[in-house]
Amino acid sequence: MLNEMFNEAVPFIILGNKSDLTPQEISTEEILQKQIEINSIIFSVSAKTKQNIEEAFTFAAHRIFNVI
């Protein structure tokens, strides 16, 4: 359903925040299952530590650049 709303030029990326906290509320298996289900990329990020923030936006920029 989400893929129908967006075309290939707009990557659909989910950022799961608060990855610096333990324990994680969502398991790695659940994340991978959702990623496959919606045909998307999911980044576990932390605004506090800046973990994976730059990587997520760099990934999005590369996907957009490669499609255009």
C-alpha atoms as a PDB file:
ATOM      1  CA  MET A   1       0.000   0.000   0.000  1.00  0.00           C
ATOM      2  CA  LEU A   2       2.742   2.465   0.884  1.00  0.00           C
ATOM      3  CA  ASN A   3       4.636   1.634  -2.290  1.00  0.00           C
ATOM      4  CA  GLU A   4       1.547   2.611  -4.290  1.00  0.00           C
ATOM      5  CA  MET A   5       1.626   6.077  -2.717  1.00  0.00           C
ATOM      6  CA  PHE A   6       5.241   6.748  -3.655  1.00  0.00           C
ATOM      7  CA  ASN A   7       7.074   6.235  -6.889  1.00  0.00           C
ATOM      8  CA  GLU A   8      10.630   4.926  -7.227  1.00  0.00           C
ATOM      9  CA  ALA A   9      12.106   8.437  -7.193  1.00  0.00           C
ATOM     10  CA  VAL A  10      11.179   8.844  -3.545  1.00  0.00           C
ATOM     11  CA  PRO A  11      12.805   6.237  -1.324  1.00  0.00           C
ATOM     12  CA  PHE A  12      10.653   5.092   1.559  1.00  0.00           C
ATOM     13  CA  ILE A  13      12.894   4.919   4.612  1.00  0.00           C
ATOM     14  CA  ILE A  14      11.870   4.334   8.201  1.00  0.00           C
ATOM     15  CA  LEU A  15      14.006   5.746  10.996  1.00  0.00           C
ATOM     16  CA  GLY A  16      13.569   3.910  14.275  1.00  0.00           C
ATOM     17  CA  ASN A  17      14.633   6.411  16.932  1.00  0.00           C
ATOM     18  CA  LYS A  18      16.099   5.905  20.413  1.00  0.00           C
ATOM     19  CA  SER A  19      18.441   3.073  19.419  1.00  0.00           C
ATOM     20  CA  ASP A  20      20.714   4.237  22.255  1.00  0.00           C
ATOM     21  CA  LEU A  21      18.231   2.912  24.836  1.00  0.00           C
ATOM     22  CA  THR A  22      18.228  -0.643  26.122  1.00  0.00           C
ATOM     23  CA  PRO A  23      16.450  -2.906  25.986  1.00  0.00           C
ATOM     24  CA  GLN A  24      15.117  -2.398  22.497  1.00  0.00           C
ATOM     25  CA  GLU A  25      11.331  -2.598  22.312  1.00  0.00           C
ATOM     26  CA  ILE A  26      11.357  -4.016  18.788  1.00  0.00           C
ATOM     27  CA  SER A  27      13.438  -7.058  17.937  1.00  0.00           C
ATOM     28  CA  THR A  28      15.790  -7.310  14.985  1.00  0.00           C
ATOM     29  CA  GLU A  29      13.545 -10.028  13.562  1.00  0.00           C
ATOM     30  CA  GLU A  30      10.511  -7.713  13.687  1.00  0.00           C
ATOM     31  CA  ILE A  31      12.483  -4.962  11.957  1.00  0.00           C
ATOM     32  CA  LEU A  32      13.641  -7.288   9.177  1.00  0.00           C
ATOM     33  CA  GLN A  33      10.133  -8.679   8.716  1.00  0.00           C
ATOM     34  CA  LYS A  34       8.641  -5.176   8.379  1.00  0.00           C
ATOM     35  CA  GLN A  35      11.432  -4.142   5.998  1.00  0.00           C
ATOM     36  CA  ILE A  36      10.579  -7.040   3.687  1.00  0.00           C
ATOM     37  CA  GLU A  37       6.828  -6.496   4.072  1.00  0.00           C
ATOM     38  CA  ILE A  38       6.938  -2.861   2.947  1.00  0.00           C
ATOM     39  CA  ASN A  39       9.930  -3.224   0.597  1.00  0.00           C
ATOM     40  CA  SER A  40      11.838  -0.488   2.343  1.00  0.00           C
ATOM     41  CA  ILE A  41      14.932   0.275   4.361  1.00  0.00           C
ATOM     42  CA  ILE A  42      14.828   0.704   8.109  1.00  0.00           C
ATOM     43  CA  PHE A  43      17.581   2.502  10.017  1.00  0.00           C
ATOM     44  CA  SER A  44      17.890   2.301  13.788  1.00  0.00           C
ATOM     45  CA  VAL A  45      18.971   5.789  14.790  1.00  0.00           C
ATOM     46  CA  SER A  46      19.650   7.872  17.863  1.00  0.00           C
ATOM     47  CA  ALA A  47      19.143  11.608  17.874  1.00  0.00           C
ATOM     48  CA  LYS A  48      21.015  11.748  21.172  1.00  0.00           C
ATOM     49  CA  THR A  49      24.205  10.044  19.952  1.00  0.00           C
ATOM     50  CA  LYS A  50      23.665  10.822  16.232  1.00  0.00           C
ATOM     51  CA  GLN A  51      24.042   7.107  15.470  1.00  0.00           C
ATOM     52  CA  ASN A  52      23.132   6.316  11.826  1.00  0.00           C
ATOM     53  CA  ILE A  53      21.605   9.759  11.196  1.00  0.00           C
ATOM     54  CA  GLU A  54      24.105  10.770   8.523  1.00  0.00           C
ATOM     55  CA  GLU A  55      24.064   7.287   7.007  1.00  0.00           C
ATOM     56  CA  ALA A  56      20.280   7.356   6.629  1.00  0.00           C
ATOM     57  CA  PHE A  57      20.218  10.713   4.879  1.00  0.00           C
ATOM     58  CA  THR A  58      23.203   9.796   2.711  1.00  0.00           C
ATOM     59  CA  PHE A  59      21.404   6.604   1.681  1.00  0.00           C
ATOM     60  CA  ALA A  60      18.268   8.578   0.779  1.00  0.00           C
ATOM     61  CA  ALA A  61      20.271  11.093  -1.252  1.00  0.00           C
ATOM     62  CA  HIS A  62      22.053   8.347  -3.177  1.00  0.00           C
ATOM     63  CA  ARG A  63      18.769   6.542  -3.926  1.00  0.00           C
ATOM     64  CA  ILE A  64      17.180   9.746  -5.226  1.00  0.00           C
ATOM     65  CA  PHE A  65      20.279  10.661  -7.255  1.00  0.00           C
ATOM     66  CA  ASN A  66      20.496   7.206  -8.838  1.00  0.00           C
ATOM     67  CA  VAL A  67      16.829   7.227  -9.912  1.00  0.00           C
ATOM     68  CA  ILE A  68      16.798  10.717 -11.382  1.00  0.00           C
END
